[in-house]
């Protein structure tokens, strides 16, 4: 794992737990020599994880569309801030630059980014691990929903299990470092039709 793409909110969320978790993850990444790729903002969880990596001497690459530079308050303290033309370009570049994907708490943008790269893994477009940092049980109800999707026959359990979940940054990074993609494909067989 050379670089981890972190998806997270441009808001700090309620309370201090989310900011603290973002800072812990950033510090640990820098300590382990793992660079950060993220959405390029200086605010919310995005700013917290970037600042923590920088403070610990790590490398940060921010990727932000021109239309969001002012709105998301682009991080001016980055040596590597890439301004792109669209959200599609942002996501493609972040994916190309990264070996692993992690979602911290965030809103629908965070969820959309996570689900897209997880789908790419399921389809075999890449073999990069995906995980969520389940701070204060933030993603627990999502996990229950995903279990329901499996029970209803819309997702294979092997693909459900591809999404690594942990409540601490160290545990999540350890799981992602040892993860291997499943050999089973997404595609259904004739007998499953």
N, C-alpha and C. Protein backbone atom coordinates (compact mmCIF):
# COMPACT_ATOMS: atom_id res chain seq x y z
N UNK A 1 0.86 -1.18 0.00
CA UNK A 1 0.00 0.00 0.00
C UNK A 1 0.89 1.23 0.00
N UNK A 2 0.98 1.88 -1.15
CA UNK A 2 1.77 3.11 -1.24
C UNK A 2 0.90 4.34 -1.03
N UNK A 3 -0.33 4.30 -1.59
CA UNK A 3 -1.23 5.45 -1.46
C UNK A 3 -2.65 4.96 -1.24
N UNK A 4 -3.30 5.58 -0.28
CA UNK A 4 -4.70 5.27 0.01
C UNK A 4 -5.55 6.47 -0.37
N UNK A 5 -6.60 6.20 -1.11
CA UNK A 5 -7.59 7.22 -1.41
C UNK A 5 -8.61 7.21 -0.28
N UNK A 6 -8.79 8.34 0.37
CA UNK A 6 -9.75 8.45 1.46
C UNK A 6 -10.92 9.30 0.99
N UNK A 7 -12.12 8.70 1.05
CA UNK A 7 -13.36 9.41 0.78
C UNK A 7 -13.94 9.81 2.13
N UNK A 8 -14.37 11.04 2.27
CA UNK A 8 -14.94 11.48 3.54
C UNK A 8 -15.65 12.81 3.37
N UNK A 9 -16.31 13.24 4.43
CA UNK A 9 -17.10 14.45 4.38
C UNK A 9 -16.29 15.72 4.38
N UNK A 10 -16.84 16.73 3.72
CA UNK A 10 -16.28 18.08 3.81
C UNK A 10 -16.85 18.79 5.04
N UNK A 11 -17.65 18.07 5.78
CA UNK A 11 -18.19 18.52 7.06
C UNK A 11 -17.49 17.72 8.16
N UNK A 12 -17.39 18.28 9.38
CA UNK A 12 -16.77 17.52 10.47
C UNK A 12 -17.73 16.55 11.15
N UNK A 13 -19.03 16.65 10.85
CA UNK A 13 -20.00 15.82 11.55
C UNK A 13 -20.25 16.36 12.95
N UNK A 14 -21.08 15.66 13.70
CA UNK A 14 -21.40 16.06 15.07
C UNK A 14 -20.40 15.47 16.05
N UNK A 15 -20.05 16.26 17.03
CA UNK A 15 -19.12 15.78 18.05
C UNK A 15 -17.70 15.74 17.51
N UNK A 16 -16.80 15.25 18.35
CA UNK A 16 -15.38 15.24 17.98
C UNK A 16 -14.86 13.88 17.51
N UNK A 17 -15.66 12.84 17.63
CA UNK A 17 -15.18 11.48 17.32
C UNK A 17 -14.76 11.33 15.87
N UNK A 18 -15.50 11.93 14.95
CA UNK A 18 -15.19 11.77 13.53
C UNK A 18 -13.89 12.48 13.18
N UNK A 19 -13.72 13.70 13.69
CA UNK A 19 -12.47 14.43 13.45
C UNK A 19 -11.29 13.68 14.05
N UNK A 20 -11.48 13.17 15.26
CA UNK A 20 -10.40 12.44 15.93
C UNK A 20 -10.00 11.21 15.12
N UNK A 21 -10.98 10.48 14.60
CA UNK A 21 -10.69 9.28 13.80
C UNK A 21 -9.95 9.64 12.51
N UNK A 22 -10.36 10.74 11.86
CA UNK A 22 -9.69 11.19 10.64
C UNK A 22 -8.23 11.54 10.94
N UNK A 23 -8.00 12.21 12.06
CA UNK A 23 -6.64 12.57 12.45
C UNK A 23 -5.81 11.33 12.77
N UNK A 24 -6.41 10.37 13.47
CA UNK A 24 -5.70 9.12 13.79
C UNK A 24 -5.30 8.38 12.53
N UNK A 25 -6.24 8.28 11.59
CA UNK A 25 -5.95 7.59 10.33
C UNK A 25 -4.81 8.28 9.60
N UNK A 26 -4.87 9.60 9.50
CA UNK A 26 -3.83 10.35 8.81
C UNK A 26 -2.46 10.17 9.45
N UNK A 27 -2.40 10.24 10.77
CA UNK A 27 -1.13 10.04 11.48
C UNK A 27 -0.57 8.65 11.23
N UNK A 28 -1.44 7.65 11.32
CA UNK A 28 -1.01 6.27 11.13
C UNK A 28 -0.54 6.01 9.70
N UNK A 29 -1.23 6.58 8.75
CA UNK A 29 -0.81 6.42 7.35
C UNK A 29 0.60 6.98 7.17
N UNK A 30 0.83 8.18 7.68
CA UNK A 30 2.16 8.78 7.54
C UNK A 30 3.22 7.95 8.25
N UNK A 31 2.91 7.45 9.44
CA UNK A 31 3.86 6.61 10.19
C UNK A 31 4.21 5.34 9.43
N UNK A 32 3.26 4.82 8.67
CA UNK A 32 3.49 3.59 7.91
C UNK A 32 4.03 3.88 6.50
N UNK A 33 4.27 5.13 6.20
CA UNK A 33 4.81 5.49 4.89
C UNK A 33 3.80 5.41 3.76
N UNK A 34 2.52 5.58 4.08
CA UNK A 34 1.45 5.51 3.10
C UNK A 34 0.99 6.92 2.77
N UNK A 35 1.00 7.27 1.50
CA UNK A 35 0.54 8.58 1.07
C UNK A 35 -0.97 8.65 1.00
N UNK A 36 -1.49 9.87 1.06
CA UNK A 36 -2.92 10.13 1.00
C UNK A 36 -3.29 10.73 -0.34
N UNK A 37 -4.36 10.20 -0.93
CA UNK A 37 -5.03 10.82 -2.07
C UNK A 37 -6.44 11.12 -1.60
N UNK A 38 -6.90 12.35 -1.80
CA UNK A 38 -8.23 12.70 -1.31
C UNK A 38 -8.78 13.87 -2.13
N UNK A 39 -9.95 14.35 -1.76
CA UNK A 39 -10.67 15.34 -2.54
C UNK A 39 -10.17 16.77 -2.53
N UNK A 40 -9.07 17.07 -1.86
CA UNK A 40 -8.41 18.35 -1.98
C UNK A 40 -8.92 19.50 -1.14
N UNK A 41 -9.88 19.27 -0.24
CA UNK A 41 -10.44 20.35 0.56
C UNK A 41 -9.67 20.55 1.86
N UNK A 42 -9.83 21.73 2.43
CA UNK A 42 -9.17 22.04 3.70
C UNK A 42 -10.13 22.01 4.87
N UNK A 43 -11.36 21.66 4.63
CA UNK A 43 -12.40 21.71 5.67
C UNK A 43 -12.91 20.30 6.00
N UNK A 44 -13.60 20.20 7.13
CA UNK A 44 -14.25 18.96 7.53
C UNK A 44 -13.28 17.82 7.75
N UNK A 45 -13.78 16.61 7.56
CA UNK A 45 -12.93 15.43 7.71
C UNK A 45 -11.85 15.40 6.65
N UNK A 46 -12.16 15.96 5.48
CA UNK A 46 -11.16 16.01 4.41
C UNK A 46 -9.93 16.78 4.87
N UNK A 47 -10.14 17.95 5.41
CA UNK A 47 -9.03 18.76 5.90
C UNK A 47 -8.32 18.11 7.07
N UNK A 48 -9.08 17.46 7.95
CA UNK A 48 -8.49 16.84 9.14
C UNK A 48 -7.53 15.71 8.77
N UNK A 49 -7.93 14.85 7.85
CA UNK A 49 -7.06 13.73 7.49
C UNK A 49 -5.83 14.24 6.74
N UNK A 50 -6.01 15.22 5.86
CA UNK A 50 -4.88 15.78 5.12
C UNK A 50 -3.90 16.47 6.06
N UNK A 51 -4.41 17.27 6.97
CA UNK A 51 -3.54 17.98 7.92
C UNK A 51 -2.78 17.02 8.81
N UNK A 52 -3.41 15.91 9.20
CA UNK A 52 -2.74 14.93 10.05
C UNK A 52 -1.60 14.24 9.31
N UNK A 53 -1.83 13.91 8.05
CA UNK A 53 -0.77 13.29 7.25
C UNK A 53 0.39 14.27 7.09
N UNK A 54 0.08 15.50 6.77
CA UNK A 54 1.11 16.52 6.58
C UNK A 54 1.90 16.76 7.88
N UNK A 55 1.18 16.86 9.00
CA UNK A 55 1.82 17.12 10.29
C UNK A 55 2.77 16.00 10.69
N UNK A 56 2.47 14.78 10.24
CA UNK A 56 3.31 13.62 10.56
C UNK A 56 4.38 13.39 9.49
N UNK A 57 4.51 14.32 8.54
CA UNK A 57 5.56 14.22 7.54
C UNK A 57 5.23 13.38 6.33
N UNK A 58 3.95 13.09 6.12
CA UNK A 58 3.55 12.24 5.00
C UNK A 58 3.25 13.03 3.74
N UNK A 59 2.96 12.30 2.67
CA UNK A 59 2.67 12.89 1.36
C UNK A 59 1.17 12.93 1.11
N UNK A 60 0.71 14.05 0.58
CA UNK A 60 -0.72 14.24 0.31
C UNK A 60 -0.90 14.73 -1.12
N UNK A 61 -1.82 14.10 -1.82
CA UNK A 61 -2.24 14.56 -3.14
C UNK A 61 -3.72 14.88 -3.07
N UNK A 62 -4.08 16.12 -3.36
CA UNK A 62 -5.47 16.53 -3.41
C UNK A 62 -5.93 16.65 -4.84
N UNK A 63 -7.18 16.23 -5.09
CA UNK A 63 -7.75 16.31 -6.44
C UNK A 63 -9.12 16.96 -6.31
N UNK A 64 -9.29 18.10 -6.94
CA UNK A 64 -10.54 18.85 -6.78
C UNK A 64 -10.96 19.47 -8.11
N UNK A 65 -12.25 19.41 -8.43
CA UNK A 65 -12.72 20.07 -9.65
C UNK A 65 -12.69 21.59 -9.50
N UNK A 66 -12.45 22.28 -10.58
CA UNK A 66 -12.41 23.74 -10.57
C UNK A 66 -13.67 24.33 -9.94
N UNK A 67 -14.82 23.75 -10.23
CA UNK A 67 -16.09 24.27 -9.72
C UNK A 67 -16.19 24.20 -8.20
N UNK A 68 -15.39 23.34 -7.57
CA UNK A 68 -15.45 23.19 -6.11
C UNK A 68 -14.29 23.85 -5.38
N UNK A 69 -13.38 24.45 -6.10
CA UNK A 69 -12.21 25.05 -5.46
C UNK A 69 -12.63 26.05 -4.39
N UNK A 70 -13.54 26.95 -4.71
CA UNK A 70 -13.99 27.95 -3.73
C UNK A 70 -14.98 27.36 -2.74
N UNK A 71 -15.92 26.54 -3.20
CA UNK A 71 -16.96 25.99 -2.32
C UNK A 71 -16.41 25.05 -1.26
N UNK A 72 -15.50 24.16 -1.64
CA UNK A 72 -14.94 23.20 -0.69
C UNK A 72 -13.65 23.72 -0.06
N UNK A 73 -13.32 24.95 -0.34
CA UNK A 73 -12.13 25.59 0.22
C UNK A 73 -10.91 24.72 -0.04
N UNK A 74 -10.41 24.77 -1.26
CA UNK A 74 -9.25 23.97 -1.65
C UNK A 74 -8.11 24.18 -0.67
N UNK A 75 -7.41 23.12 -0.38
CA UNK A 75 -6.32 23.12 0.60
C UNK A 75 -5.09 23.79 -0.02
N UNK A 76 -4.76 24.97 0.46
CA UNK A 76 -3.63 25.71 -0.09
C UNK A 76 -2.29 25.25 0.45
N UNK A 77 -2.30 24.36 1.44
CA UNK A 77 -1.05 23.89 2.03
C UNK A 77 -0.48 22.65 1.37
N UNK A 78 -1.05 22.25 0.25
CA UNK A 78 -0.60 21.03 -0.42
C UNK A 78 0.41 21.36 -1.51
N UNK A 79 1.48 20.60 -1.55
CA UNK A 79 2.43 20.73 -2.66
C UNK A 79 1.86 20.12 -3.92
N UNK A 80 0.95 19.13 -3.75
CA UNK A 80 0.39 18.42 -4.90
C UNK A 80 -1.13 18.55 -4.88
N UNK A 81 -1.64 19.67 -5.36
CA UNK A 81 -3.08 19.90 -5.49
C UNK A 81 -3.40 19.93 -6.98
N UNK A 82 -4.19 18.98 -7.42
CA UNK A 82 -4.52 18.86 -8.84
C UNK A 82 -5.95 19.34 -9.06
N UNK A 83 -6.08 20.34 -9.90
CA UNK A 83 -7.40 20.90 -10.21
C UNK A 83 -7.83 20.33 -11.56
N UNK A 84 -9.00 19.69 -11.55
CA UNK A 84 -9.51 19.01 -12.75
C UNK A 84 -10.82 19.67 -13.19
N UNK A 85 -11.31 19.24 -14.34
CA UNK A 85 -12.49 19.86 -14.93
C UNK A 85 -13.83 19.38 -14.44
N UNK A 86 -13.90 18.17 -13.89
CA UNK A 86 -15.21 17.62 -13.51
C UNK A 86 -15.07 16.60 -12.39
N UNK A 87 -16.22 16.25 -11.82
CA UNK A 87 -16.24 15.20 -10.79
C UNK A 87 -15.79 13.86 -11.38
N UNK A 88 -16.15 13.59 -12.62
CA UNK A 88 -15.72 12.34 -13.26
C UNK A 88 -14.20 12.28 -13.37
N UNK A 89 -13.60 13.38 -13.77
CA UNK A 89 -12.14 13.44 -13.84
C UNK A 89 -11.52 13.28 -12.46
N UNK A 90 -12.14 13.89 -11.46
CA UNK A 90 -11.64 13.79 -10.09
C UNK A 90 -11.60 12.34 -9.64
N UNK A 91 -12.72 11.65 -9.80
CA UNK A 91 -12.80 10.25 -9.33
C UNK A 91 -11.85 9.35 -10.11
N UNK A 92 -11.76 9.56 -11.42
CA UNK A 92 -10.86 8.73 -12.23
C UNK A 92 -9.40 8.94 -11.83
N UNK A 93 -9.00 10.18 -11.62
CA UNK A 93 -7.62 10.45 -11.24
C UNK A 93 -7.32 9.91 -9.84
N UNK A 94 -8.25 10.11 -8.91
CA UNK A 94 -8.05 9.58 -7.56
C UNK A 94 -7.89 8.06 -7.60
N UNK A 95 -8.69 7.40 -8.41
CA UNK A 95 -8.61 5.94 -8.51
C UNK A 95 -7.28 5.51 -9.13
N UNK A 96 -6.85 6.22 -10.17
CA UNK A 96 -5.59 5.88 -10.83
C UNK A 96 -4.39 6.05 -9.90
N UNK A 97 -4.44 7.05 -9.04
CA UNK A 97 -3.32 7.35 -8.16
C UNK A 97 -3.25 6.45 -6.92
N UNK A 98 -4.29 5.68 -6.67
CA UNK A 98 -4.42 4.97 -5.39
C UNK A 98 -4.31 3.46 -5.52
N UNK A 99 -3.87 2.84 -4.42
CA UNK A 99 -3.78 1.38 -4.34
C UNK A 99 -4.91 0.79 -3.50
N UNK A 100 -5.52 1.63 -2.67
CA UNK A 100 -6.53 1.20 -1.69
C UNK A 100 -7.54 2.33 -1.55
N UNK A 101 -8.78 1.98 -1.19
CA UNK A 101 -9.82 2.98 -0.96
C UNK A 101 -10.40 2.81 0.44
N UNK A 102 -10.53 3.93 1.15
CA UNK A 102 -11.10 3.92 2.50
C UNK A 102 -12.15 5.01 2.58
N UNK A 103 -13.28 4.68 3.19
CA UNK A 103 -14.31 5.68 3.44
C UNK A 103 -14.38 5.96 4.94
N UNK A 104 -14.23 7.21 5.28
CA UNK A 104 -14.55 7.70 6.61
C UNK A 104 -16.02 8.12 6.57
N UNK A 105 -16.61 8.51 7.69
CA UNK A 105 -17.97 9.02 7.62
C UNK A 105 -18.08 10.20 6.65
N UNK A 106 -19.23 10.28 6.02
CA UNK A 106 -19.49 11.35 5.06
C UNK A 106 -20.90 11.24 4.54
N UNK A 107 -21.23 12.07 3.59
CA UNK A 107 -22.58 12.12 3.04
C UNK A 107 -22.71 11.30 1.77
N UNK A 108 -23.65 11.71 0.93
CA UNK A 108 -23.95 10.90 -0.25
C UNK A 108 -22.79 10.88 -1.24
N UNK A 109 -21.99 11.93 -1.29
CA UNK A 109 -20.82 11.93 -2.17
C UNK A 109 -19.82 10.86 -1.75
N UNK A 110 -19.60 10.74 -0.45
CA UNK A 110 -18.70 9.71 0.09
C UNK A 110 -19.23 8.32 -0.25
N UNK A 111 -20.53 8.13 -0.05
CA UNK A 111 -21.13 6.82 -0.33
C UNK A 111 -21.04 6.49 -1.82
N UNK A 112 -21.31 7.48 -2.66
CA UNK A 112 -21.25 7.25 -4.10
C UNK A 112 -19.85 6.87 -4.53
N UNK A 113 -18.85 7.56 -4.01
CA UNK A 113 -17.46 7.25 -4.36
C UNK A 113 -17.08 5.85 -3.90
N UNK A 114 -17.46 5.50 -2.68
CA UNK A 114 -17.16 4.16 -2.15
C UNK A 114 -17.83 3.08 -2.98
N UNK A 115 -19.11 3.24 -3.25
CA UNK A 115 -19.83 2.21 -4.00
C UNK A 115 -19.29 2.06 -5.42
N UNK A 116 -18.86 3.15 -6.01
CA UNK A 116 -18.32 3.05 -7.37
C UNK A 116 -17.04 2.22 -7.40
N UNK A 117 -16.08 2.51 -6.52
CA UNK A 117 -14.82 1.76 -6.56
C UNK A 117 -15.02 0.32 -6.09
N UNK A 118 -15.95 0.10 -5.18
CA UNK A 118 -16.26 -1.26 -4.73
C UNK A 118 -16.87 -2.05 -5.89
N UNK A 119 -17.73 -1.42 -6.67
CA UNK A 119 -18.32 -2.06 -7.85
C UNK A 119 -17.22 -2.41 -8.85
N UNK A 120 -16.26 -1.52 -9.03
CA UNK A 120 -15.15 -1.80 -9.95
C UNK A 120 -14.37 -3.03 -9.50
N UNK A 121 -14.20 -3.18 -8.20
CA UNK A 121 -13.52 -4.38 -7.68
C UNK A 121 -14.36 -5.63 -7.97
N UNK A 122 -15.66 -5.53 -7.70
CA UNK A 122 -16.56 -6.65 -7.94
C UNK A 122 -16.54 -7.08 -9.41
N UNK A 123 -16.50 -6.11 -10.30
CA UNK A 123 -16.51 -6.40 -11.74
C UNK A 123 -15.15 -6.84 -12.27
N UNK A 124 -14.12 -6.71 -11.45
CA UNK A 124 -12.78 -7.09 -11.89
C UNK A 124 -12.06 -6.00 -12.65
N UNK A 125 -12.57 -4.76 -12.62
CA UNK A 125 -11.89 -3.65 -13.29
C UNK A 125 -10.57 -3.31 -12.61
N UNK A 126 -10.47 -3.59 -11.32
CA UNK A 126 -9.22 -3.47 -10.58
C UNK A 126 -9.28 -4.45 -9.41
N UNK A 127 -8.16 -4.64 -8.75
CA UNK A 127 -8.11 -5.55 -7.59
C UNK A 127 -7.66 -4.79 -6.34
N UNK A 128 -8.14 -3.57 -6.21
CA UNK A 128 -7.76 -2.72 -5.08
C UNK A 128 -8.77 -2.89 -3.94
N UNK A 129 -8.26 -3.08 -2.73
CA UNK A 129 -9.18 -3.27 -1.61
C UNK A 129 -9.94 -2.01 -1.23
N UNK A 130 -11.13 -2.23 -0.67
CA UNK A 130 -12.00 -1.14 -0.23
C UNK A 130 -12.40 -1.39 1.22
N UNK A 131 -12.43 -0.33 2.00
CA UNK A 131 -12.82 -0.48 3.39
C UNK A 131 -13.49 0.75 3.93
N UNK A 132 -14.14 0.57 5.08
CA UNK A 132 -14.77 1.69 5.78
C UNK A 132 -14.29 1.70 7.22
N UNK A 133 -14.07 2.90 7.71
CA UNK A 133 -13.74 3.09 9.12
C UNK A 133 -15.05 3.38 9.82
N UNK A 134 -15.50 2.43 10.59
CA UNK A 134 -16.83 2.47 11.22
C UNK A 134 -16.76 3.21 12.56
N UNK A 135 -16.54 4.50 12.49
CA UNK A 135 -16.41 5.35 13.68
C UNK A 135 -17.76 5.45 14.39
N UNK A 136 -17.78 5.11 15.66
CA UNK A 136 -19.02 5.20 16.46
C UNK A 136 -20.20 4.49 15.81
N UNK A 137 -19.94 3.42 15.08
CA UNK A 137 -21.01 2.66 14.45
C UNK A 137 -21.66 3.37 13.27
N UNK A 138 -20.97 4.37 12.70
CA UNK A 138 -21.54 5.15 11.61
C UNK A 138 -22.02 4.28 10.46
N UNK A 139 -21.27 3.25 10.11
CA UNK A 139 -21.61 2.39 8.98
C UNK A 139 -22.33 1.10 9.38
N UNK A 140 -22.69 0.94 10.64
CA UNK A 140 -23.32 -0.32 11.08
C UNK A 140 -24.65 -0.58 10.40
N UNK A 141 -25.48 0.45 10.26
CA UNK A 141 -26.77 0.22 9.60
C UNK A 141 -26.60 -0.03 8.11
N UNK A 142 -25.57 0.55 7.50
CA UNK A 142 -25.27 0.22 6.11
C UNK A 142 -24.90 -1.25 6.00
N UNK A 143 -24.13 -1.75 6.94
CA UNK A 143 -23.77 -3.17 6.95
C UNK A 143 -25.00 -4.06 7.03
N UNK A 144 -25.96 -3.68 7.86
CA UNK A 144 -27.20 -4.45 7.96
C UNK A 144 -27.96 -4.43 6.64
N UNK A 145 -27.99 -3.27 5.99
CA UNK A 145 -28.65 -3.18 4.69
C UNK A 145 -27.96 -4.07 3.67
N UNK A 146 -26.63 -4.07 3.65
CA UNK A 146 -25.89 -4.90 2.71
C UNK A 146 -26.15 -6.38 2.97
N UNK A 147 -26.27 -6.76 4.24
CA UNK A 147 -26.63 -8.14 4.56
C UNK A 147 -28.01 -8.48 4.00
N UNK A 148 -28.93 -7.52 4.07
CA UNK A 148 -30.27 -7.70 3.51
C UNK A 148 -30.19 -7.88 1.99
N UNK A 149 -29.33 -7.11 1.34
CA UNK A 149 -29.16 -7.22 -0.12
C UNK A 149 -28.68 -8.63 -0.47
N UNK A 150 -27.78 -9.19 0.34
CA UNK A 150 -27.32 -10.57 0.14
C UNK A 150 -28.48 -11.54 0.34
N UNK A 151 -29.21 -11.38 1.44
CA UNK A 151 -30.34 -12.28 1.74
C UNK A 151 -31.38 -12.28 0.63
N UNK A 152 -31.56 -11.16 -0.02
CA UNK A 152 -32.55 -11.05 -1.08
C UNK A 152 -32.02 -11.47 -2.45
N UNK A 153 -30.77 -11.90 -2.50
CA UNK A 153 -30.22 -12.46 -3.73
C UNK A 153 -29.69 -11.47 -4.74
N UNK A 154 -29.43 -10.23 -4.32
CA UNK A 154 -28.91 -9.23 -5.24
C UNK A 154 -27.40 -9.02 -5.13
N UNK A 155 -26.77 -9.68 -4.19
CA UNK A 155 -25.34 -9.56 -3.98
C UNK A 155 -24.84 -10.87 -3.40
N UNK A 156 -23.76 -11.39 -3.96
CA UNK A 156 -23.17 -12.61 -3.42
C UNK A 156 -22.41 -12.28 -2.14
N UNK A 157 -22.45 -13.20 -1.20
CA UNK A 157 -21.78 -12.95 0.08
C UNK A 157 -20.28 -12.74 -0.10
N UNK A 158 -19.68 -13.40 -1.08
CA UNK A 158 -18.25 -13.22 -1.33
C UNK A 158 -17.95 -11.77 -1.73
N UNK A 159 -18.88 -11.14 -2.44
CA UNK A 159 -18.70 -9.74 -2.83
C UNK A 159 -19.05 -8.79 -1.68
N UNK A 160 -19.99 -9.18 -0.86
CA UNK A 160 -20.30 -8.40 0.35
C UNK A 160 -19.07 -8.36 1.25
N UNK A 161 -18.39 -9.49 1.36
CA UNK A 161 -17.23 -9.60 2.25
C UNK A 161 -16.00 -8.88 1.71
N UNK A 162 -16.04 -8.44 0.45
CA UNK A 162 -14.92 -7.68 -0.10
C UNK A 162 -14.74 -6.35 0.62
N UNK A 163 -15.82 -5.78 1.12
CA UNK A 163 -15.75 -4.50 1.81
C UNK A 163 -15.26 -4.74 3.24
N UNK A 164 -14.06 -4.29 3.51
CA UNK A 164 -13.45 -4.46 4.83
C UNK A 164 -13.98 -3.38 5.77
N UNK A 165 -14.33 -3.78 6.99
CA UNK A 165 -14.90 -2.85 7.97
C UNK A 165 -14.16 -3.01 9.28
N UNK A 166 -13.79 -1.88 9.87
CA UNK A 166 -13.14 -1.90 11.19
C UNK A 166 -13.46 -0.60 11.91
N UNK A 167 -13.38 -0.65 13.23
CA UNK A 167 -13.71 0.53 14.03
C UNK A 167 -12.48 1.33 14.44
N UNK A 168 -11.28 0.80 14.16
CA UNK A 168 -10.06 1.55 14.46
C UNK A 168 -9.19 1.63 13.20
N UNK A 169 -8.46 2.73 13.04
CA UNK A 169 -7.61 2.86 11.85
C UNK A 169 -6.56 1.76 11.73
N UNK A 170 -5.93 1.36 12.83
CA UNK A 170 -4.89 0.33 12.76
C UNK A 170 -5.45 -0.99 12.26
N UNK A 171 -6.59 -1.39 12.80
CA UNK A 171 -7.21 -2.65 12.38
C UNK A 171 -7.59 -2.60 10.91
N UNK A 172 -8.16 -1.48 10.49
CA UNK A 172 -8.57 -1.37 9.09
C UNK A 172 -7.36 -1.43 8.16
N UNK A 173 -6.30 -0.70 8.47
CA UNK A 173 -5.11 -0.73 7.62
C UNK A 173 -4.50 -2.12 7.57
N UNK A 174 -4.48 -2.82 8.69
CA UNK A 174 -3.95 -4.19 8.71
C UNK A 174 -4.77 -5.11 7.82
N UNK A 175 -6.10 -5.01 7.89
CA UNK A 175 -6.96 -5.85 7.06
C UNK A 175 -6.78 -5.54 5.57
N UNK A 176 -6.69 -4.27 5.25
CA UNK A 176 -6.53 -3.88 3.85
C UNK A 176 -5.18 -4.34 3.29
N UNK A 177 -4.15 -4.34 4.15
CA UNK A 177 -2.80 -4.74 3.70
C UNK A 177 -2.72 -6.23 3.38
N UNK A 178 -3.59 -7.04 3.98
CA UNK A 178 -3.54 -8.49 3.76
C UNK A 178 -4.69 -9.00 2.90
N UNK A 179 -5.53 -8.11 2.39
CA UNK A 179 -6.70 -8.49 1.62
C UNK A 179 -6.30 -9.02 0.24
N UNK A 180 -7.03 -10.04 -0.19
CA UNK A 180 -6.85 -10.59 -1.54
C UNK A 180 -8.21 -10.66 -2.21
N UNK A 181 -8.28 -10.31 -3.49
CA UNK A 181 -9.58 -10.34 -4.17
C UNK A 181 -10.10 -11.76 -4.29
N UNK A 182 -11.42 -11.92 -4.23
CA UNK A 182 -12.00 -13.26 -4.40
C UNK A 182 -11.83 -13.73 -5.83
N UNK A 183 -11.83 -15.02 -6.00
CA UNK A 183 -11.69 -15.59 -7.34
C UNK A 183 -13.03 -15.72 -8.05
N UNK A 184 -14.11 -15.56 -7.31
CA UNK A 184 -15.45 -15.69 -7.90
C UNK A 184 -15.83 -14.40 -8.62
N UNK A 185 -16.43 -14.54 -9.79
CA UNK A 185 -16.83 -13.37 -10.55
C UNK A 185 -18.21 -12.89 -10.11
N UNK A 186 -18.57 -11.73 -10.55
CA UNK A 186 -19.88 -11.17 -10.27
C UNK A 186 -20.97 -11.83 -11.09
N UNK A 187 -20.60 -12.30 -12.26
CA UNK A 187 -21.58 -12.74 -13.24
C UNK A 187 -22.30 -13.99 -12.80
N UNK A 188 -23.60 -14.01 -13.02
CA UNK A 188 -24.41 -15.16 -12.66
C UNK A 188 -24.24 -16.26 -13.71
N UNK A 189 -24.46 -17.49 -13.27
CA UNK A 189 -24.36 -18.62 -14.19
C UNK A 189 -25.74 -18.92 -14.76
N UNK A 190 -25.76 -19.82 -15.77
CA UNK A 190 -27.05 -20.20 -16.37
C UNK A 190 -27.98 -20.80 -15.31
N UNK A 191 -27.42 -21.58 -14.37
CA UNK A 191 -28.28 -22.22 -13.36
C UNK A 191 -28.85 -21.24 -12.36
N UNK A 192 -28.27 -20.06 -12.24
CA UNK A 192 -28.76 -19.06 -11.29
C UNK A 192 -29.83 -18.15 -11.89
N UNK A 193 -30.10 -18.30 -13.17
CA UNK A 193 -31.10 -17.43 -13.82
C UNK A 193 -32.50 -17.78 -13.40
